[in-house]
Amino acid sequence: MDLHQYIASIKAKLNASSIISSIEIVDERVLFDRGYFRARLTLSNEDFLEIAESFTAQNDQIATLDYRYQWLDSTKQTLRKRWDSVKHFPDLPNFPHHVHIGSESNVEPGQSRSI
């Protein structure tokens, strides 16, 4: 799979999802050996999910480089969860992967993610 095919597969998955009521693609690009995709989604319960991921192709496989998936309530004021790979919690297991649950200060170890 190449980077353009990966972006196409992301869009197909989002469009096929029964829990997504609207999709706004904010950015998508491929530059040499890297790609980036960002979208804002309204879920069927009116919650908001913003997804952003940078990735590369290695040996015909897609590898996620960095990601942020932020799930907010319908008012976009209350954090439900945010999964990300920002390198600001070096003491957590599985660094840099972590999850903010319910608030910015409630952080737990996470696993590598991809859309």
PDB file of N, CA and C in Angstrom:
ATOM      1  N   MET A   1       0.851  -1.178   0.000  1.00  0.00           N
ATOM      2  CA  MET A   1       0.000   0.000   0.000  1.00  0.00           C
ATOM      3  C   MET A   1       0.894   1.238   0.000  1.00  0.00           C
ATOM      4  N   ASP A   2       0.577   2.198  -0.865  1.00  0.00           N
ATOM      5  CA  ASP A   2       1.335   3.441  -0.849  1.00  0.00           C
ATOM      6  C   ASP A   2       0.562   4.496  -0.054  1.00  0.00           C
ATOM      7  N   LEU A   3       1.151   5.686   0.091  1.00  0.00           N
ATOM      8  CA  LEU A   3       0.573   6.716   0.945  1.00  0.00           C
ATOM      9  C   LEU A   3      -0.773   7.226   0.422  1.00  0.00           C
ATOM     10  N   HIS A   4      -0.893   7.373  -0.890  1.00  0.00           N
ATOM     11  CA  HIS A   4      -2.168   7.804  -1.466  1.00  0.00           C
ATOM     12  C   HIS A   4      -3.267   6.754  -1.227  1.00  0.00           C
ATOM     13  N   GLN A   5      -2.913   5.489  -1.349  1.00  0.00           N
ATOM     14  CA  GLN A   5      -3.874   4.417  -1.094  1.00  0.00           C
ATOM     15  C   GLN A   5      -4.296   4.403   0.376  1.00  0.00           C
ATOM     16  N   TYR A   6      -3.342   4.686   1.268  1.00  0.00           N
ATOM     17  CA  TYR A   6      -3.668   4.718   2.689  1.00  0.00           C
ATOM     18  C   TYR A   6      -4.682   5.825   2.990  1.00  0.00           C
ATOM     19  N   ILE A   7      -4.465   7.010   2.434  1.00  0.00           N
ATOM     20  CA  ILE A   7      -5.420   8.107   2.630  1.00  0.00           C
ATOM     21  C   ILE A   7      -6.788   7.721   2.065  1.00  0.00           C
ATOM     22  N   ALA A   8      -6.797   7.107   0.902  1.00  0.00           N
ATOM     23  CA  ALA A   8      -8.071   6.660   0.317  1.00  0.00           C
ATOM     24  C   ALA A   8      -8.753   5.642   1.226  1.00  0.00           C
ATOM     25  N   SER A   9      -7.981   4.754   1.847  1.00  0.00           N
ATOM     26  CA  SER A   9      -8.576   3.745   2.737  1.00  0.00           C
ATOM     27  C   SER A   9      -9.127   4.393   4.010  1.00  0.00           C
ATOM     28  N   ILE A  10      -8.458   5.442   4.513  1.00  0.00           N
ATOM     29  CA  ILE A  10      -8.974   6.167   5.674  1.00  0.00           C
ATOM     30  C   ILE A  10     -10.330   6.773   5.338  1.00  0.00           C
ATOM     31  N   LYS A  11     -10.406   7.461   4.210  1.00  0.00           N
ATOM     32  CA  LYS A  11     -11.663   8.098   3.808  1.00  0.00           C
ATOM     33  C   LYS A  11     -12.774   7.060   3.638  1.00  0.00           C
ATOM     34  N   ALA A  12     -12.445   5.923   3.047  1.00  0.00           N
ATOM     35  CA  ALA A  12     -13.448   4.876   2.852  1.00  0.00           C
ATOM     36  C   ALA A  12     -13.957   4.360   4.201  1.00  0.00           C
ATOM     37  N   LYS A  13     -13.044   4.157   5.171  1.00  0.00           N
ATOM     38  CA  LYS A  13     -13.448   3.683   6.496  1.00  0.00           C
ATOM     39  C   LYS A  13     -14.337   4.702   7.195  1.00  0.00           C
ATOM     40  N   LEU A  14     -13.967   5.970   7.110  1.00  0.00           N
ATOM     41  CA  LEU A  14     -14.773   7.011   7.750  1.00  0.00           C
ATOM     42  C   LEU A  14     -16.155   7.082   7.122  1.00  0.00           C
ATOM     43  N   ASN A  15     -16.212   7.050   5.795  1.00  0.00           N
ATOM     44  CA  ASN A  15     -17.500   7.128   5.095  1.00  0.00           C
ATOM     45  C   ASN A  15     -18.389   5.917   5.370  1.00  0.00           C
ATOM     46  N   ALA A  16     -17.791   4.768   5.644  1.00  0.00           N
ATOM     47  CA  ALA A  16     -18.558   3.549   5.883  1.00  0.00           C
ATOM     48  C   ALA A  16     -19.003   3.390   7.340  1.00  0.00           C
ATOM     49  N   SER A  17     -18.467   4.205   8.226  1.00  0.00           N
ATOM     50  CA  SER A  17     -18.762   4.057   9.648  1.00  0.00           C
ATOM     51  C   SER A  17     -20.184   4.488   9.982  1.00  0.00           C
ATOM     52  N   SER A  18     -20.879   3.659  10.719  1.00  0.00           N
ATOM     53  CA  SER A  18     -22.247   3.974  11.124  1.00  0.00           C
ATOM     54  C   SER A  18     -22.294   4.923  12.320  1.00  0.00           C
ATOM     55  N   ILE A  19     -21.169   5.172  12.976  1.00  0.00           N
ATOM     56  CA  ILE A  19     -21.180   6.073  14.135  1.00  0.00           C
ATOM     57  C   ILE A  19     -20.739   7.495  13.784  1.00  0.00           C
ATOM     58  N   ILE A  20     -20.428   7.745  12.510  1.00  0.00           N
ATOM     59  CA  ILE A  20     -20.016   9.079  12.077  1.00  0.00           C
ATOM     60  C   ILE A  20     -21.153   9.696  11.275  1.00  0.00           C
ATOM     61  N   SER A  21     -21.610  10.885  11.724  1.00  0.00           N
ATOM     62  CA  SER A  21     -22.695  11.537  10.987  1.00  0.00           C
ATOM     63  C   SER A  21     -22.195  12.603  10.026  1.00  0.00           C
ATOM     64  N   SER A  22     -21.012  13.197  10.287  1.00  0.00           N
ATOM     65  CA  SER A  22     -20.442  14.141   9.326  1.00  0.00           C
ATOM     66  C   SER A  22     -18.921  14.138   9.403  1.00  0.00           C
ATOM     67  N   ILE A  23     -18.311  14.454   8.276  1.00  0.00           N
ATOM     68  CA  ILE A  23     -16.855  14.441   8.140  1.00  0.00           C
ATOM     69  C   ILE A  23     -16.418  15.746   7.494  1.00  0.00           C
ATOM     70  N   GLU A  24     -15.448  16.409   8.111  1.00  0.00           N
ATOM     71  CA  GLU A  24     -14.801  17.567   7.504  1.00  0.00           C
ATOM     72  C   GLU A  24     -13.311  17.251   7.408  1.00  0.00           C
ATOM     73  N   ILE A  25     -12.814  17.096   6.206  1.00  0.00           N
ATOM     74  CA  ILE A  25     -11.384  16.846   6.028  1.00  0.00           C
ATOM     75  C   ILE A  25     -10.679  18.192   6.076  1.00  0.00           C
ATOM     76  N   VAL A  26      -9.797  18.342   7.045  1.00  0.00           N
ATOM     77  CA  VAL A  26      -9.091  19.598   7.276  1.00  0.00           C
ATOM     78  C   VAL A  26      -7.827  19.671   6.439  1.00  0.00           C
ATOM     79  N   ASP A  27      -7.107  18.557   6.339  1.00  0.00           N
ATOM     80  CA  ASP A  27      -5.843  18.537   5.607  1.00  0.00           C
ATOM     81  C   ASP A  27      -5.515  17.107   5.217  1.00  0.00           C
ATOM     82  N   GLU A  28      -4.973  16.960   4.043  1.00  0.00           N
ATOM     83  CA  GLU A  28      -4.426  15.677   3.623  1.00  0.00           C
ATOM     84  C   GLU A  28      -3.300  15.981   2.645  1.00  0.00           C
ATOM     85  N   ARG A  29      -2.162  15.319   2.835  1.00  0.00           N
ATOM     86  CA  ARG A  29      -1.045  15.569   1.928  1.00  0.00           C
ATOM     87  C   ARG A  29      -0.069  14.413   1.930  1.00  0.00           C
ATOM     88  N   VAL A  30       0.628  14.317   0.820  1.00  0.00           N
ATOM     89  CA  VAL A  30       1.715  13.356   0.670  1.00  0.00           C
ATOM     90  C   VAL A  30       2.914  14.132   0.154  1.00  0.00           C
ATOM     91  N   LEU A  31       4.018  14.048   0.868  1.00  0.00           N
ATOM     92  CA  LEU A  31       5.259  14.697   0.471  1.00  0.00           C
ATOM     93  C   LEU A  31       6.377  13.667   0.521  1.00  0.00           C
ATOM     94  N   PHE A  32       6.853  13.292  -0.639  1.00  0.00           N
ATOM     95  CA  PHE A  32       7.912  12.292  -0.761  1.00  0.00           C
ATOM     96  C   PHE A  32       7.527  11.012  -0.037  1.00  0.00           C
ATOM     97  N   ASP A  33       8.157  10.727   1.109  1.00  0.00           N
ATOM     98  CA  ASP A  33       7.916   9.459   1.800  1.00  0.00           C
ATOM     99  C   ASP A  33       7.037   9.605   3.038  1.00  0.00           C
ATOM    100  N   ARG A  34       6.362  10.754   3.181  1.00  0.00           N
ATOM    101  CA  ARG A  34       5.514  10.989   4.353  1.00  0.00           C
ATOM    102  C   ARG A  34       4.124  11.441   3.933  1.00  0.00           C
ATOM    103  N   GLY A  35       3.156  11.122   4.781  1.00  0.00           N
ATOM    104  CA  GLY A  35       1.795  11.574   4.557  1.00  0.00           C
ATOM    105  C   GLY A  35       1.216  12.141   5.835  1.00  0.00           C
ATOM    106  N   TYR A  36       0.138  12.903   5.670  1.00  0.00           N
ATOM    107  CA  TYR A  36      -0.543  13.513   6.811  1.00  0.00           C
ATOM    108  C   TYR A  36      -2.030  13.552   6.499  1.00  0.00           C
ATOM    109  N   PHE A  37      -2.848  13.281   7.518  1.00  0.00           N
ATOM    110  CA  PHE A  37      -4.300  13.331   7.368  1.00  0.00           C
ATOM    111  C   PHE A  37      -4.888  13.899   8.648  1.00  0.00           C
ATOM    112  N   ARG A  38      -5.824  14.850   8.474  1.00  0.00           N
ATOM    113  CA  ARG A  38      -6.512  15.436   9.628  1.00  0.00           C
ATOM    114  C   ARG A  38      -7.968  15.662   9.257  1.00  0.00           C
ATOM    115  N   ALA A  39      -8.868  15.273  10.157  1.00  0.00           N
ATOM    116  CA  ALA A  39     -10.302  15.445   9.910  1.00  0.00           C
ATOM    117  C   ALA A  39     -11.022  15.726  11.218  1.00  0.00           C
ATOM    118  N   ARG A  40     -12.173  16.390  11.067  1.00  0.00           N
ATOM    119  CA  ARG A  40     -13.071  16.642  12.192  1.00  0.00           C
ATOM    120  C   ARG A  40     -14.355  15.880  11.931  1.00  0.00           C
ATOM    121  N   LEU A  41     -14.747  15.090  12.909  1.00  0.00           N
ATOM    122  CA  LEU A  41     -15.900  14.216  12.749  1.00  0.00           C
ATOM    123  C   LEU A  41     -16.965  14.549  13.781  1.00  0.00           C
ATOM    124  N   THR A  42     -18.206  14.527  13.357  1.00  0.00           N
ATOM    125  CA  THR A  42     -19.323  14.575  14.291  1.00  0.00           C
ATOM    126  C   THR A  42     -19.863  13.155  14.369  1.00  0.00           C
ATOM    127  N   LEU A  43     -19.971  12.663  15.590  1.00  0.00           N
ATOM    128  CA  LEU A  43     -20.446  11.297  15.797  1.00  0.00           C
ATOM    129  C   LEU A  43     -21.971  11.287  15.860  1.00  0.00           C
ATOM    130  N   SER A  44     -22.543  10.119  15.743  1.00  0.00           N
ATOM    131  CA  SER A  44     -24.003   9.998  15.711  1.00  0.00           C
ATOM    132  C   SER A  44     -24.659  10.463  17.005  1.00  0.00           C
ATOM    133  N   ASN A  45     -23.930  10.474  18.114  1.00  0.00           N
ATOM    134  CA  ASN A  45     -24.471  10.986  19.379  1.00  0.00           C
ATOM    135  C   ASN A  45     -24.178  12.474  19.555  1.00  0.00           C
ATOM    136  N   GLU A  46     -23.677  13.136  18.498  1.00  0.00           N
ATOM    137  CA  GLU A  46     -23.336  14.563  18.454  1.00  0.00           C
ATOM    138  C   GLU A  46     -21.995  14.893  19.095  1.00  0.00           C
ATOM    139  N   ASP A  47     -21.271  13.906  19.634  1.00  0.00           N
ATOM    140  CA  ASP A  47     -19.919  14.158  20.135  1.00  0.00           C
ATOM    141  C   ASP A  47     -19.012  14.526  18.963  1.00  0.00           C
ATOM    142  N   PHE A  48     -17.851  15.062  19.289  1.00  0.00           N
ATOM    143  CA  PHE A  48     -16.893  15.557  18.305  1.00  0.00           C
ATOM    144  C   PHE A  48     -15.601  14.761  18.422  1.00  0.00           C
ATOM    145  N   LEU A  49     -15.034  14.377  17.305  1.00  0.00           N
ATOM    146  CA  LEU A  49     -13.763  13.653  17.279  1.00  0.00           C
ATOM    147  C   LEU A  49     -12.876  14.285  16.225  1.00  0.00           C
ATOM    148  N   GLU A  50     -11.697  14.728  16.649  1.00  0.00           N
ATOM    149  CA  GLU A  50     -10.720  15.240  15.692  1.00  0.00           C
ATOM    150  C   GLU A  50      -9.581  14.238  15.612  1.00  0.00           C
ATOM    151  N   ILE A  51      -9.224  13.866  14.395  1.00  0.00           N
ATOM    152  CA  ILE A  51      -8.164  12.889  14.187  1.00  0.00           C
ATOM    153  C   ILE A  51      -7.062  13.528  13.354  1.00  0.00           C
ATOM    154  N   ALA A  52      -5.822  13.247  13.730  1.00  0.00           N
ATOM    155  CA  ALA A  52      -4.670  13.734  12.975  1.00  0.00           C
ATOM    156  C   ALA A  52      -3.575  12.681  13.077  1.00  0.00           C
ATOM    157  N   GLU A  53      -2.977  12.397  11.946  1.00  0.00           N
ATOM    158  CA  GLU A  53      -1.967  11.344  11.916  1.00  0.00           C
ATOM    159  C   GLU A  53      -0.941  11.651  10.827  1.00  0.00           C
ATOM    160  N   SER A  54       0.332  11.474  11.159  1.00  0.00           N
ATOM    161  CA  SER A  54       1.373  11.508  10.137  1.00  0.00           C
ATOM    162  C   SER A  54       1.928  10.094  10.021  1.00  0.00           C
ATOM    163  N   PHE A  55       2.323   9.730   8.815  1.00  0.00           N
ATOM    164  CA  PHE A  55       2.692   8.339   8.549  1.00  0.00           C
ATOM    165  C   PHE A  55       3.702   8.275   7.408  1.00  0.00           C
ATOM    166  N   THR A  56       4.297   7.109   7.274  1.00  0.00           N
ATOM    167  CA  THR A  56       5.255   6.866   6.215  1.00  0.00           C
ATOM    168  C   THR A  56       5.047   5.456   5.676  1.00  0.00           C
ATOM    169  N   ALA A  57       5.623   5.199   4.516  1.00  0.00           N
ATOM    170  CA  ALA A  57       5.573   3.849   3.940  1.00  0.00           C
ATOM    171  C   ALA A  57       6.944   3.207   4.117  1.00  0.00           C
ATOM    172  N   GLN A  58       6.935   2.003   4.646  1.00  0.00           N
ATOM    173  CA  GLN A  58       8.165   1.234   4.845  1.00  0.00           C
ATOM    174  C   GLN A  58       7.920  -0.188   4.378  1.00  0.00           C
ATOM    175  N   ASN A  59       8.652  -0.605   3.350  1.00  0.00           N
ATOM    176  CA  ASN A  59       8.513  -1.969   2.819  1.00  0.00           C
ATOM    177  C   ASN A  59       7.062  -2.295   2.475  1.00  0.00           C
ATOM    178  N   ASP A  60       6.389  -1.395   1.772  1.00  0.00           N
ATOM    179  CA  ASP A  60       4.991  -1.564   1.356  1.00  0.00           C
ATOM    180  C   ASP A  60       4.011  -1.642   2.519  1.00  0.00           C
ATOM    181  N   GLN A  61       4.443  -1.224   3.700  1.00  0.00           N
ATOM    182  CA  GLN A  61       3.571  -1.150   4.880  1.00  0.00           C
ATOM    183  C   GLN A  61       3.494   0.305   5.336  1.00  0.00           C
ATOM    184  N   ILE A  62       2.388   0.687   5.912  1.00  0.00           N
ATOM    185  CA  ILE A  62       2.235   2.032   6.457  1.00  0.00           C
ATOM    186  C   ILE A  62       2.612   2.005   7.932  1.00  0.00           C
ATOM    187  N   ALA A  63       3.467   2.942   8.330  1.00  0.00           N
ATOM    188  CA  ALA A  63       3.878   3.080   9.724  1.00  0.00           C
ATOM    189  C   ALA A  63       3.459   4.457  10.228  1.00  0.00           C
ATOM    190  N   THR A  64       2.761   4.478  11.351  1.00  0.00           N
ATOM    191  CA  THR A  64       2.349   5.739  11.956  1.00  0.00           C
ATOM    192  C   THR A  64       3.548   6.372  12.640  1.00  0.00           C
ATOM    193  N   LEU A  65       3.750   7.660  12.371  1.00  0.00           N
ATOM    194  CA  LEU A  65       4.850   8.397  12.989  1.00  0.00           C
ATOM    195  C   LEU A  65       4.370   9.145  14.232  1.00  0.00           C
ATOM    196  N   ASP A  66       3.312   9.896  14.087  1.00  0.00           N
ATOM    197  CA  ASP A  66       2.715  10.652  15.188  1.00  0.00           C
ATOM    198  C   ASP A  66       1.206  10.675  15.004  1.00  0.00           C
ATOM    199  N   TYR A  67       0.481  10.841  16.109  1.00  0.00           N
ATOM    200  CA  TYR A  67      -0.971  10.852  16.031  1.00  0.00           C
ATOM    201  C   TYR A  67      -1.564  11.641  17.183  1.00  0.00           C
ATOM    202  N   ARG A  68      -2.773  12.103  16.949  1.00  0.00           N
ATOM    203  CA  ARG A  68      -3.601  12.721  17.989  1.00  0.00           C
ATOM    204  C   ARG A  68      -5.043  12.481  17.587  1.00  0.00           C
ATOM    205  N   TYR A  69      -5.796  11.843  18.479  1.00  0.00           N
ATOM    206  CA  TYR A  69      -7.220  11.593  18.281  1.00  0.00           C
ATOM    207  C   TYR A  69      -7.915  12.136  19.514  1.00  0.00           C
ATOM    208  N   GLN A  70      -8.660  13.207  19.343  1.00  0.00           N
ATOM    209  CA  GLN A  70      -9.274  13.884  20.482  1.00  0.00           C
ATOM    210  C   GLN A  70     -10.793  13.800  20.400  1.00  0.00           C
ATOM    211  N   TRP A  71     -11.385  13.205  21.437  1.00  0.00           N
ATOM    212  CA  TRP A  71     -12.820  12.981  21.517  1.00  0.00           C
ATOM    213  C   TRP A  71     -13.387  13.920  22.578  1.00  0.00           C
ATOM    214  N   LEU A  72     -14.297  14.791  22.156  1.00  0.00           N
ATOM    215  CA  LEU A  72     -14.940  15.745  23.047  1.00  0.00           C
ATOM    216  C   LEU A  72     -16.440  15.524  23.059  1.00  0.00           C
ATOM    217  N   ASP A  73     -17.098  16.059  24.076  1.00  0.00           N
ATOM    218  CA  ASP A  73     -18.556  15.985  24.101  1.00  0.00           C
ATOM    219  C   ASP A  73     -19.123  16.889  23.002  1.00  0.00           C
ATOM    220  N   SER A  74     -20.431  16.930  22.885  1.00  0.00           N
ATOM    221  CA  SER A  74     -21.087  17.669  21.803  1.00  0.00           C
ATOM    222  C   SER A  74     -20.865  19.181  21.886  1.00  0.00           C
ATOM    223  N   THR A  75     -20.540  19.693  23.078  1.00  0.00           N
ATOM    224  CA  THR A  75     -20.276  21.128  23.224  1.00  0.00           C
ATOM    225  C   THR A  75     -18.832  21.481  22.880  1.00  0.00           C
ATOM    226  N   LYS A  76     -18.013  20.477  22.698  1.00  0.00           N
ATOM    227  CA  LYS A  76     -16.565  20.623  22.445  1.00  0.00           C
ATOM    228  C   LYS A  76     -15.850  21.278  23.618  1.00  0.00           C
ATOM    229  N   GLN A  77     -16.435  21.155  24.811  1.00  0.00           N
ATOM    230  CA  GLN A  77     -15.861  21.741  26.023  1.00  0.00           C
ATOM    231  C   GLN A  77     -15.293  20.689  26.974  1.00  0.00           C
ATOM    232  N   THR A  78     -15.843  19.486  26.924  1.00  0.00           N
ATOM    233  CA  THR A  78     -15.439  18.446  27.874  1.00  0.00           C
ATOM    234  C   THR A  78     -14.695  17.340  27.148  1.00  0.00           C
ATOM    235  N   LEU A  79     -13.472  17.118  27.599  1.00  0.00           N
ATOM    236  CA  LEU A  79     -12.655  16.051  27.028  1.00  0.00           C
ATOM    237  C   LEU A  79     -13.157  14.701  27.506  1.00  0.00           C
ATOM    238  N   ARG A  80     -13.426  13.824  26.566  1.00  0.00           N
ATOM    239  CA  ARG A  80     -13.743  12.443  26.933  1.00  0.00           C
ATOM    240  C   ARG A  80     -12.438  11.646  26.949  1.00  0.00           C
ATOM    241  N   LYS A  81     -11.700  11.656  25.823  1.00  0.00           N
ATOM    242  CA  LYS A  81     -10.393  10.998  25.742  1.00  0.00           C
ATOM    243  C   LYS A  81      -9.559  11.664  24.660  1.00  0.00           C
ATOM    244  N   ARG A  82      -8.264  11.639  24.864  1.00  0.00           N
ATOM    245  CA  ARG A  82      -7.350  12.012  23.794  1.00  0.00           C
ATOM    246  C   ARG A  82      -6.183  11.031  23.808  1.00  0.00           C
ATOM    247  N   TRP A  83      -6.010  10.368  22.691  1.00  0.00           N
ATOM    248  CA  TRP A  83      -4.896   9.463  22.490  1.00  0.00           C
ATOM    249  C   TRP A  83      -3.855  10.241  21.695  1.00  0.00           C
ATOM    250  N   ASP A  84      -2.601  10.259  22.175  1.00  0.00           N
ATOM    251  CA  ASP A  84      -1.589  10.947  21.379  1.00  0.00           C
ATOM    252  C   ASP A  84      -0.195  10.412  21.653  1.00  0.00           C
ATOM    253  N   SER A  85       0.724  10.863  20.809  1.00  0.00           N
ATOM    254  CA  SER A  85       2.115  10.415  20.907  1.00  0.00           C
ATOM    255  C   SER A  85       3.069  11.585  21.120  1.00  0.00           C
ATOM    256  N   VAL A  86       2.552  12.703  21.648  1.00  0.00           N
ATOM    257  CA  VAL A  86       3.416  13.842  21.972  1.00  0.00           C
ATOM    258  C   VAL A  86       4.362  13.395  23.081  1.00  0.00           C
ATOM    259  N   LYS A  87       5.601  13.770  22.971  1.00  0.00           N
ATOM    260  CA  LYS A  87       6.629  13.257  23.873  1.00  0.00           C
ATOM    261  C   LYS A  87       6.762  14.095  25.156  1.00  0.00           C
ATOM    262  N   HIS A  88       5.671  14.220  25.926  1.00  0.00           N
ATOM    263  CA  HIS A  88       5.744  15.011  27.148  1.00  0.00           C
ATOM    264  C   HIS A  88       5.518  14.226  28.444  1.00  0.00           C
ATOM    265  N   PHE A  89       5.467  12.909  28.394  1.00  0.00           N
ATOM    266  CA  PHE A  89       5.353  12.085  29.606  1.00  0.00           C
ATOM    267  C   PHE A  89       6.376  10.941  29.547  1.00  0.00           C
ATOM    268  N   PRO A  90       7.676  11.265  29.623  1.00  0.00           N
ATOM    269  CA  PRO A  90       8.719  10.247  29.415  1.00  0.00           C
ATOM    270  C   PRO A  90       8.757   9.142  30.462  1.00  0.00           C
ATOM    271  N   ASP A  91       8.135   9.359  31.611  1.00  0.00           N
ATOM    272  CA  ASP A  91       8.175   8.340  32.669  1.00  0.00           C
ATOM    273  C   ASP A  91       7.068   7.290  32.549  1.00  0.00           C
ATOM    274  N   LEU A  92       6.144   7.488  31.645  1.00  0.00           N
ATOM    275  CA  LEU A  92       5.060   6.513  31.480  1.00  0.00           C
ATOM    276  C   LEU A  92       5.537   5.298  30.680  1.00  0.00           C
ATOM    277  N   PRO A  93       5.034   4.110  31.037  1.00  0.00           N
ATOM    278  CA  PRO A  93       5.300   2.940  30.191  1.00  0.00           C
ATOM    279  C   PRO A  93       4.764   3.200  28.780  1.00  0.00           C
ATOM    280  N   ASN A  94       5.401   2.623  27.799  1.00  0.00           N
ATOM    281  CA  ASN A  94       5.035   2.763  26.385  1.00  0.00           C
ATOM    282  C   ASN A  94       5.226   4.184  25.862  1.00  0.00           C
ATOM    283  N   PHE A  95       6.065   4.969  26.530  1.00  0.00           N
ATOM    284  CA  PHE A  95       6.375   6.321  26.062  1.00  0.00           C
ATOM    285  C   PHE A  95       6.719   6.266  24.578  1.00  0.00           C
ATOM    286  N   PRO A  96       6.185   7.134  23.762  1.00  0.00           N
ATOM    287  CA  PRO A  96       5.445   8.356  24.065  1.00  0.00           C
ATOM    288  C   PRO A  96       3.925   8.192  24.018  1.00  0.00           C
ATOM    289  N   HIS A  97       3.432   6.972  23.866  1.00  0.00           N
ATOM    290  CA  HIS A  97       1.994   6.732  23.700  1.00  0.00           C
ATOM    291  C   HIS A  97       1.273   6.865  25.041  1.00  0.00           C
ATOM    292  N   HIS A  98       0.226   7.710  25.045  1.00  0.00           N
ATOM    293  CA  HIS A  98      -0.528   7.929  26.278  1.00  0.00           C
ATOM    294  C   HIS A  98      -1.945   8.366  25.946  1.00  0.00           C
ATOM    295  N   VAL A  99      -2.789   8.355  26.993  1.00  0.00           N
ATOM    296  CA  VAL A  99      -4.206   8.704  26.858  1.00  0.00           C
ATOM    297  C   VAL A  99      -4.579   9.673  27.973  1.00  0.00           C
ATOM    298  N   HIS A 100      -5.228  10.767  27.596  1.00  0.00           N
ATOM    299  CA  HIS A 100      -5.827  11.689  28.567  1.00  0.00           C
ATOM    300  C   HIS A 100      -7.292  11.248  28.697  1.00  0.00           C
ATOM    301  N   ILE A 101      -7.724  10.968  29.916  1.00  0.00           N
ATOM    302  CA  ILE A 101      -9.082  10.459  30.122  1.00  0.00           C
ATOM    303  C   ILE A 101      -9.853  11.433  31.007  1.00  0.00           C
ATOM    304  N   GLY A 102     -10.832  12.102  30.425  1.00  0.00           N
ATOM    305  CA  GLY A 102     -11.708  12.988  31.172  1.00  0.00           C
ATOM    306  C   GLY A 102     -11.146  14.360  31.487  1.00  0.00           C
ATOM    307  N   SER A 103      -9.824  14.502  31.513  1.00  0.00           N
ATOM    308  CA  SER A 103      -9.198  15.799  31.765  1.00  0.00           C
ATOM    309  C   SER A 103      -7.753  15.751  31.280  1.00  0.00           C
ATOM    310  N   GLU A 104      -7.177  16.929  31.115  1.00  0.00           N
ATOM    311  CA  GLU A 104      -5.784  17.006  30.674  1.00  0.00           C
ATOM    312  C   GLU A 104      -4.832  16.365  31.682  1.00  0.00           C
ATOM    313  N   SER A 105      -5.186  16.447  32.961  1.00  0.00           N
ATOM    314  CA  SER A 105      -4.282  15.977  34.009  1.00  0.00           C
ATOM    315  C   SER A 105      -4.384  14.479  34.301  1.00  0.00           C
ATOM    316  N   ASN A 106      -5.429  13.828  33.838  1.00  0.00           N
ATOM    317  CA  ASN A 106      -5.584  12.389  34.068  1.00  0.00           C
ATOM    318  C   ASN A 106      -4.984  11.651  32.876  1.00  0.00           C
ATOM    319  N   VAL A 107      -3.728  11.238  33.017  1.00  0.00           N
ATOM    320  CA  VAL A 107      -2.965  10.638  31.913  1.00  0.00           C
ATOM    321  C   VAL A 107      -2.582   9.218  32.272  1.00  0.00           C
ATOM    322  N   GLU A 108      -2.817   8.311  31.333  1.00  0.00           N
ATOM    323  CA  GLU A 108      -2.451   6.909  31.514  1.00  0.00           C
ATOM    324  C   GLU A 108      -1.606   6.442  30.334  1.00  0.00           C
ATOM    325  N   PRO A 109      -0.827   5.373  30.530  1.00  0.00           N
ATOM    326  CA  PRO A 109      -0.062   4.830  29.406  1.00  0.00           C
ATOM    327  C   PRO A 109      -1.002   4.400  28.287  1.00  0.00           C
ATOM    328  N   GLY A 110      -0.524   4.474  27.076  1.00  0.00           N
ATOM    329  CA  GLY A 110      -1.330   4.069  25.929  1.00  0.00           C
ATOM    330  C   GLY A 110      -0.554   3.137  25.026  1.00  0.00           C
ATOM    331  N   GLN A 111      -1.186   2.798  23.934  1.00  0.00           N
ATOM    332  CA  GLN A 111      -0.601   1.939  22.906  1.00  0.00           C
ATOM    333  C   GLN A 111      -0.510   2.732  21.605  1.00  0.00           C
ATOM    334  N   SER A 112       0.399   2.358  20.754  1.00  0.00           N
ATOM    335  CA  SER A 112       0.488   2.987  19.451  1.00  0.00           C
ATOM    336  C   SER A 112      -0.829   2.821  18.708  1.00  0.00           C
ATOM    337  N   ARG A 113      -1.276   3.867  18.054  1.00  0.00           N
ATOM    338  CA  ARG A 113      -2.563   3.878  17.361  1.00  0.00           C
ATOM    339  C   ARG A 113      -2.384   4.285  15.897  1.00  0.00           C
ATOM    340  N   SER A 114      -3.381   3.954  15.125  1.00  0.00           N
ATOM    341  CA  SER A 114      -3.478   4.470  13.761  1.00  0.00           C
ATOM    342  C   SER A 114      -4.967   4.524  13.410  1.00  0.00           C
ATOM    343  N   ILE A 115      -5.288   5.373  12.450  1.00  0.00           N
ATOM    344  CA  ILE A 115      -6.688   5.507  12.085  1.00  0.00           C
ATOM    345  C   ILE A 115      -7.192   4.168  11.582  1.00  0.00           C
TER     346      ILE A 115
END
